[in-house]
Amino acid sequence: MAAVNTQFSIAVHIMTALGYSGERFTSSELAATVNAAPSFVRRVVAKLSKAGLVQTTTGKSGSCALGRKPKEISLLEIYEAVEAPQAFSIHAYPEKKSCPVSCNIKTSMIKVLNKAQTSFETSLRSVSLEEVIADLRRE
């Protein structure tokens, strides 16, 4: 099974928790809601902070809060902040020189996957954190 990068979904979880409550959280409190190691959550929060999506305070009583209103934050900003990998990638198997498909498939697939990635990012750009929070409140 291929390795899966969960930083984007974890980052959205963290941002949603902060926006849902409107409160400040410590990394340990956020780790409890995500059910992940505090050190992992701190790494994700550091990326969100660097992007200006989260404001943090350091020290023994350090905590974090949203850096902007949820309606001003798109899921694309979160995706880009955590440097999540592209949705799809091309295999790394070597070409078989005697096969025209093998020799040309990567060039063709690059076009397809770039189009899919652009569509994916456009979709994320159109969804605000506020929409995710509102959806949770309806559940």
C-alpha atoms as a PDB file:
ATOM      1  CA  MET A   1       0.000   0.000   0.000  1.00  0.00           C
ATOM      2  CA  ALA A   2       1.294   3.460  -0.903  1.00  0.00           C
ATOM      3  CA  ALA A   3       2.224   5.942   1.785  1.00  0.00           C
ATOM      4  CA  VAL A   4      -0.484   8.496   2.467  1.00  0.00           C
ATOM      5  CA  ASN A   5       0.118  12.085   3.517  1.00  0.00           C
ATOM      6  CA  THR A   6      -2.516  13.215   6.012  1.00  0.00           C
ATOM      7  CA  GLN A   7      -1.146  16.670   6.840  1.00  0.00           C
ATOM      8  CA  PHE A   8      -3.858  18.473   4.852  1.00  0.00           C
ATOM      9  CA  SER A   9      -6.738  16.684   6.571  1.00  0.00           C
ATOM     10  CA  ILE A  10      -5.042  17.109   9.964  1.00  0.00           C
ATOM     11  CA  ALA A  11      -4.503  20.818   9.244  1.00  0.00           C
ATOM     12  CA  VAL A  12      -8.175  21.274   8.297  1.00  0.00           C
ATOM     13  CA  HIS A  13      -9.139  19.411  11.489  1.00  0.00           C
ATOM     14  CA  ILE A  14      -6.954  21.737  13.572  1.00  0.00           C
ATOM     15  CA  MET A  15      -8.223  24.872  11.839  1.00  0.00           C
ATOM     16  CA  THR A  16     -11.827  23.717  12.176  1.00  0.00           C
ATOM     17  CA  ALA A  17     -11.386  23.006  15.895  1.00  0.00           C
ATOM     18  CA  LEU A  18      -9.976  26.510  16.395  1.00  0.00           C
ATOM     19  CA  GLY A  19     -12.741  28.136  14.353  1.00  0.00           C
ATOM     20  CA  TYR A  20     -15.569  26.021  15.763  1.00  0.00           C
ATOM     21  CA  SER A  21     -14.881  27.039  19.336  1.00  0.00           C
ATOM     22  CA  GLY A  22     -13.307  30.433  18.767  1.00  0.00           C
ATOM     23  CA  GLU A  23     -11.031  29.571  21.702  1.00  0.00           C
ATOM     24  CA  ARG A  24      -7.261  29.267  22.013  1.00  0.00           C
ATOM     25  CA  PHE A  25      -5.876  25.729  22.244  1.00  0.00           C
ATOM     26  CA  THR A  26      -2.571  24.261  23.333  1.00  0.00           C
ATOM     27  CA  SER A  27      -0.904  21.740  21.031  1.00  0.00           C
ATOM     28  CA  SER A  28      -1.757  19.014  23.559  1.00  0.00           C
ATOM     29  CA  GLU A  29      -5.449  19.942  23.434  1.00  0.00           C
ATOM     30  CA  LEU A  30      -5.383  19.967  19.639  1.00  0.00           C
ATOM     31  CA  ALA A  31      -3.533  16.643  19.620  1.00  0.00           C
ATOM     32  CA  ALA A  32      -6.315  15.170  21.769  1.00  0.00           C
ATOM     33  CA  THR A  33      -9.023  16.266  19.320  1.00  0.00           C
ATOM     34  CA  VAL A  34      -7.018  14.946  16.351  1.00  0.00           C
ATOM     35  CA  ASN A  35      -5.958  11.840  18.312  1.00  0.00           C
ATOM     36  CA  ALA A  36      -2.361  12.336  17.175  1.00  0.00           C
ATOM     37  CA  ALA A  37       0.995  12.950  18.815  1.00  0.00           C
ATOM     38  CA  PRO A  38       1.455  16.511  20.118  1.00  0.00           C
ATOM     39  CA  SER A  39       4.824  16.769  18.332  1.00  0.00           C
ATOM     40  CA  PHE A  40       3.150  16.027  14.972  1.00  0.00           C
ATOM     41  CA  VAL A  41       0.405  18.576  15.685  1.00  0.00           C
ATOM     42  CA  ARG A  42       3.044  21.167  16.631  1.00  0.00           C
ATOM     43  CA  ARG A  43       4.791  20.641  13.275  1.00  0.00           C
ATOM     44  CA  VAL A  44       1.513  21.167  11.408  1.00  0.00           C
ATOM     45  CA  VAL A  45       0.651  24.234  13.532  1.00  0.00           C
ATOM     46  CA  ALA A  46       4.116  25.666  12.809  1.00  0.00           C
ATOM     47  CA  LYS A  47       3.405  25.478   9.067  1.00  0.00           C
ATOM     48  CA  LEU A  48      -0.018  27.072   9.540  1.00  0.00           C
ATOM     49  CA  SER A  49       1.559  29.804  11.656  1.00  0.00           C
ATOM     50  CA  LYS A  50       4.251  30.489   9.061  1.00  0.00           C
ATOM     51  CA  ALA A  51       1.462  30.979   6.486  1.00  0.00           C
ATOM     52  CA  GLY A  52      -0.330  33.427   8.804  1.00  0.00           C
ATOM     53  CA  LEU A  53      -3.349  31.157   9.216  1.00  0.00           C
ATOM     54  CA  VAL A  54      -2.730  30.593  12.936  1.00  0.00           C
ATOM     55  CA  GLN A  55      -1.381  32.895  15.634  1.00  0.00           C
ATOM     56  CA  THR A  56       0.731  31.209  18.285  1.00  0.00           C
ATOM     57  CA  THR A  57       2.164  32.130  21.640  1.00  0.00           C
ATOM     58  CA  THR A  58       5.157  30.242  22.999  1.00  0.00           C
ATOM     59  CA  GLY A  59       6.243  29.152  26.410  1.00  0.00           C
ATOM     60  CA  LYS A  60       4.749  27.012  29.135  1.00  0.00           C
ATOM     61  CA  SER A  61       1.261  28.449  28.564  1.00  0.00           C
ATOM     62  CA  GLY A  62       1.649  28.640  24.774  1.00  0.00           C
ATOM     63  CA  SER A  63      -1.438  28.281  22.658  1.00  0.00           C
ATOM     64  CA  CYS A  64      -2.799  29.052  19.216  1.00  0.00           C
ATOM     65  CA  ALA A  65      -5.842  30.608  17.595  1.00  0.00           C
ATOM     66  CA  LEU A  66      -6.982  31.376  14.069  1.00  0.00           C
ATOM     67  CA  GLY A  67      -5.031  34.155  12.419  1.00  0.00           C
ATOM     68  CA  ARG A  68      -8.059  35.361  10.435  1.00  0.00           C
ATOM     69  CA  LYS A  69     -11.811  34.873  10.400  1.00  0.00           C
ATOM     70  CA  PRO A  70     -12.910  31.444   9.083  1.00  0.00           C
ATOM     71  CA  LYS A  71     -14.737  33.035   6.131  1.00  0.00           C
ATOM     72  CA  GLU A  72     -11.428  34.601   5.035  1.00  0.00           C
ATOM     73  CA  ILE A  73      -9.519  31.291   4.921  1.00  0.00           C
ATOM     74  CA  SER A  74      -9.839  28.946   1.957  1.00  0.00           C
ATOM     75  CA  LEU A  75      -9.042  25.255   2.072  1.00  0.00           C
ATOM     76  CA  LEU A  76      -6.499  25.913  -0.690  1.00  0.00           C
ATOM     77  CA  GLU A  77      -4.550  28.178   1.678  1.00  0.00           C
ATOM     78  CA  ILE A  78      -4.440  25.371   4.228  1.00  0.00           C
ATOM     79  CA  TYR A  79      -3.416  22.842   1.560  1.00  0.00           C
ATOM     80  CA  GLU A  80      -0.599  25.098   0.390  1.00  0.00           C
ATOM     81  CA  ALA A  81       0.510  25.951   3.940  1.00  0.00           C
ATOM     82  CA  VAL A  82       1.191  22.335   4.866  1.00  0.00           C
ATOM     83  CA  GLU A  83       2.873  21.662   1.525  1.00  0.00           C
ATOM     84  CA  ALA A  84       0.701  18.627   0.901  1.00  0.00           C
ATOM     85  CA  PRO A  85       1.732  16.544  -2.086  1.00  0.00           C
ATOM     86  CA  GLN A  86      -0.171  16.708  -5.335  1.00  0.00           C
ATOM     87  CA  ALA A  87      -3.313  14.596  -5.488  1.00  0.00           C
ATOM     88  CA  PHE A  88      -1.802  12.220  -8.079  1.00  0.00           C
ATOM     89  CA  SER A  89       1.644  11.289  -9.297  1.00  0.00           C
ATOM     90  CA  ILE A  90       3.167   9.380 -12.170  1.00  0.00           C
ATOM     91  CA  HIS A  91       4.863   6.055 -11.610  1.00  0.00           C
ATOM     92  CA  ALA A  92       8.645   5.871 -11.668  1.00  0.00           C
ATOM     93  CA  TYR A  93       8.994   2.601 -13.571  1.00  0.00           C
ATOM     94  CA  PRO A  94      11.567   2.762 -16.367  1.00  0.00           C
ATOM     95  CA  GLU A  95      10.389   2.941 -19.966  1.00  0.00           C
ATOM     96  CA  LYS A  96      10.437  -0.147 -22.114  1.00  0.00           C
ATOM     97  CA  LYS A  97      12.049   1.200 -25.297  1.00  0.00           C
ATOM     98  CA  SER A  98      10.259  -1.270 -27.577  1.00  0.00           C
ATOM     99  CA  CYS A  99       6.801  -0.148 -26.381  1.00  0.00           C
ATOM    100  CA  PRO A 100       5.301   3.082 -27.771  1.00  0.00           C
ATOM    101  CA  VAL A 101       2.893   3.326 -24.822  1.00  0.00           C
ATOM    102  CA  SER A 102       5.683   2.942 -22.288  1.00  0.00           C
ATOM    103  CA  CYS A 103       7.770   5.592 -24.060  1.00  0.00           C
ATOM    104  CA  ASN A 104       4.990   8.185 -24.210  1.00  0.00           C
ATOM    105  CA  ILE A 105       2.544   7.561 -21.370  1.00  0.00           C
ATOM    106  CA  LYS A 106       4.302   9.807 -18.861  1.00  0.00           C
ATOM    107  CA  THR A 107       4.135  12.844 -21.155  1.00  0.00           C
ATOM    108  CA  SER A 108       0.457  12.256 -21.758  1.00  0.00           C
ATOM    109  CA  MET A 109      -0.309  11.611 -18.087  1.00  0.00           C
ATOM    110  CA  ILE A 110       1.503  14.771 -16.999  1.00  0.00           C
ATOM    111  CA  LYS A 111      -1.062  16.774 -18.978  1.00  0.00           C
ATOM    112  CA  VAL A 112      -3.988  14.831 -17.497  1.00  0.00           C
ATOM    113  CA  LEU A 113      -2.713  15.002 -13.926  1.00  0.00           C
ATOM    114  CA  ASN A 114      -1.876  18.717 -14.165  1.00  0.00           C
ATOM    115  CA  LYS A 115      -5.441  19.365 -15.342  1.00  0.00           C
ATOM    116  CA  ALA A 116      -6.828  17.276 -12.454  1.00  0.00           C
ATOM    117  CA  GLN A 117      -4.579  19.061  -9.929  1.00  0.00           C
ATOM    118  CA  THR A 118      -5.704  22.464 -11.205  1.00  0.00           C
ATOM    119  CA  SER A 119      -9.339  21.416 -10.884  1.00  0.00           C
ATOM    120  CA  PHE A 120      -8.697  20.083  -7.375  1.00  0.00           C
ATOM    121  CA  GLU A 121      -7.029  23.342  -6.291  1.00  0.00           C
ATOM    122  CA  THR A 122      -9.801  25.443  -7.844  1.00  0.00           C
ATOM    123  CA  SER A 123     -12.312  23.433  -5.843  1.00  0.00           C
ATOM    124  CA  LEU A 124     -10.359  23.948  -2.603  1.00  0.00           C
ATOM    125  CA  ARG A 125     -10.102  27.683  -3.333  1.00  0.00           C
ATOM    126  CA  SER A 126     -13.899  27.897  -3.483  1.00  0.00           C
ATOM    127  CA  VAL A 127     -14.455  26.372  -0.031  1.00  0.00           C
ATOM    128  CA  SER A 128     -13.903  28.483   3.074  1.00  0.00           C
ATOM    129  CA  LEU A 129     -13.112  27.210   6.534  1.00  0.00           C
ATOM    130  CA  GLU A 130     -16.392  28.810   7.594  1.00  0.00           C
ATOM    131  CA  GLU A 131     -18.253  26.396   5.284  1.00  0.00           C
ATOM    132  CA  VAL A 132     -16.586  23.391   6.938  1.00  0.00           C
ATOM    133  CA  ILE A 133     -17.486  24.716  10.383  1.00  0.00           C
ATOM    134  CA  ALA A 134     -21.083  25.398   9.316  1.00  0.00           C
ATOM    135  CA  ASP A 135     -21.324  21.857   7.926  1.00  0.00           C
ATOM    136  CA  LEU A 136     -20.222  20.438  11.295  1.00  0.00           C
ATOM    137  CA  ARG A 137     -22.802  22.495  13.116  1.00  0.00           C
ATOM    138  CA  ARG A 138     -25.532  21.014  10.891  1.00  0.00           C
ATOM    139  CA  GLU A 139     -24.462  17.435  11.670  1.00  0.00           C
END
